[in-house]
C-alpha atoms as a PDB file:
ATOM      1  CA  UNK A   1     -12.004  -4.094   5.851  1.00  0.00           C
ATOM      2  CA  UNK A   2     -15.244  -5.803   6.826  1.00  0.00           C
ATOM      3  CA  UNK A   3     -17.968  -6.619   4.285  1.00  0.00           C
ATOM      4  CA  UNK A   4     -20.265  -4.071   5.914  1.00  0.00           C
ATOM      5  CA  UNK A   5     -17.716  -1.295   5.427  1.00  0.00           C
ATOM      6  CA  UNK A   6     -17.142  -2.372   1.828  1.00  0.00           C
ATOM      7  CA  UNK A   7     -20.884  -2.276   1.149  1.00  0.00           C
ATOM      8  CA  UNK A   8     -21.187   1.183   2.683  1.00  0.00           C
ATOM      9  CA  UNK A   9     -18.244   2.574   0.709  1.00  0.00           C
ATOM     10  CA  UNK A  10     -19.287   0.961  -2.559  1.00  0.00           C
ATOM     11  CA  UNK A  11     -22.877   2.105  -2.082  1.00  0.00           C
ATOM     12  CA  UNK A  12     -21.849   5.678  -1.390  1.00  0.00           C
ATOM     13  CA  UNK A  13     -19.631   5.822  -4.485  1.00  0.00           C
ATOM     14  CA  UNK A  14     -22.315   4.231  -6.656  1.00  0.00           C
ATOM     15  CA  UNK A  15     -24.938   6.632  -5.348  1.00  0.00           C
ATOM     16  CA  UNK A  16     -22.715   9.649  -6.040  1.00  0.00           C
ATOM     17  CA  UNK A  17     -21.879   8.491  -9.573  1.00  0.00           C
ATOM     18  CA  UNK A  18     -25.575   7.947 -10.243  1.00  0.00           C
ATOM     19  CA  UNK A  19     -26.400  11.380  -8.877  1.00  0.00           C
ATOM     20  CA  UNK A  20     -23.743  12.981 -11.076  1.00  0.00           C
ATOM     21  CA  UNK A  21     -25.129  11.209 -14.147  1.00  0.00           C
ATOM     22  CA  UNK A  22     -28.660  12.220 -13.245  1.00  0.00           C
ATOM     23  CA  UNK A  23     -27.749  15.876 -12.764  1.00  0.00           C
ATOM     24  CA  UNK A  24     -25.140  16.525 -15.441  1.00  0.00           C
ATOM     25  CA  UNK A  25     -25.663  14.037 -18.299  1.00  0.00           C
ATOM     26  CA  UNK A  26     -29.089  15.183 -19.418  1.00  0.00           C
ATOM     27  CA  UNK A  27     -27.902  16.637 -22.721  1.00  0.00           C
ATOM     28  CA  UNK A  28     -25.740  13.687 -23.763  1.00  0.00           C
ATOM     29  CA  UNK A  29     -27.315  11.475 -26.420  1.00  0.00           C
ATOM     30  CA  UNK A  30     -26.458   7.777 -26.458  1.00  0.00           C
ATOM     31  CA  UNK A  31     -27.912   5.274 -28.939  1.00  0.00           C
ATOM     32  CA  UNK A  32     -29.329   2.695 -26.518  1.00  0.00           C
ATOM     33  CA  UNK A  33     -30.273   4.260 -23.152  1.00  0.00           C
ATOM     34  CA  UNK A  34     -30.329   7.747 -21.724  1.00  0.00           C
ATOM     35  CA  UNK A  35     -27.670   8.474 -19.147  1.00  0.00           C
ATOM     36  CA  UNK A  36     -30.190  10.049 -16.785  1.00  0.00           C
ATOM     37  CA  UNK A  37     -32.016   6.702 -16.544  1.00  0.00           C
ATOM     38  CA  UNK A  38     -28.699   4.945 -15.903  1.00  0.00           C
ATOM     39  CA  UNK A  39     -28.088   7.502 -13.153  1.00  0.00           C
ATOM     40  CA  UNK A  40     -31.397   6.675 -11.495  1.00  0.00           C
ATOM     41  CA  UNK A  41     -30.621   2.948 -11.626  1.00  0.00           C
ATOM     42  CA  UNK A  42     -27.182   3.543 -10.101  1.00  0.00           C
ATOM     43  CA  UNK A  43     -28.687   5.654  -7.326  1.00  0.00           C
ATOM     44  CA  UNK A  44     -31.143   2.868  -6.490  1.00  0.00           C
ATOM     45  CA  UNK A  45     -28.356   0.261  -6.477  1.00  0.00           C
ATOM     46  CA  UNK A  46     -26.224   2.519  -4.294  1.00  0.00           C
ATOM     47  CA  UNK A  47     -29.086   2.908  -1.851  1.00  0.00           C
ATOM     48  CA  UNK A  48     -29.551  -0.865  -1.700  1.00  0.00           C
ATOM     49  CA  UNK A  49     -25.835  -1.364  -1.029  1.00  0.00           C
ATOM     50  CA  UNK A  50     -25.886   1.262   1.725  1.00  0.00           C
ATOM     51  CA  UNK A  51     -28.895  -0.435   3.325  1.00  0.00           C
ATOM     52  CA  UNK A  52     -27.139  -3.796   3.130  1.00  0.00           C
ATOM     53  CA  UNK A  53     -24.048  -2.307   4.768  1.00  0.00           C
ATOM     54  CA  UNK A  54     -26.111  -0.788   7.550  1.00  0.00           C
ATOM     55  CA  UNK A  55     -27.916  -4.094   8.052  1.00  0.00           C
ATOM     56  CA  UNK A  56     -24.624  -5.988   8.299  1.00  0.00           C
ATOM     57  CA  UNK A  57     -23.242  -3.391  10.700  1.00  0.00           C
ATOM     58  CA  UNK A  58     -26.312  -3.605  12.955  1.00  0.00           C
ATOM     59  CA  UNK A  59     -26.277  -7.371  12.838  1.00  0.00           C
ATOM     60  CA  UNK A  60     -22.562  -7.535  13.687  1.00  0.00           C
ATOM     61  CA  UNK A  61     -22.899  -5.167  16.655  1.00  0.00           C
ATOM     62  CA  UNK A  62     -25.901  -7.105  17.951  1.00  0.00           C
ATOM     63  CA  UNK A  63     -23.968 -10.380  18.193  1.00  0.00           C
ATOM     64  CA  UNK A  64     -21.150  -8.971  20.310  1.00  0.00           C
ATOM     65  CA  UNK A  65     -21.823  -9.372  24.030  1.00  0.00           C
END
């Protein structure tokens, strides 16, 4: 599995976990941070990983001639 594919898969999973936390963990109280804020952070990180995977994929296809 190439690094680009790993970044895409990991980003998609991270984004979905963050979305699930954002949507369904609003009523859960934790002592330090709210789970909805953790969900937003995970969605942002997942988006960054997906962008990195797309960048690596585009860069890899551009070098093949």
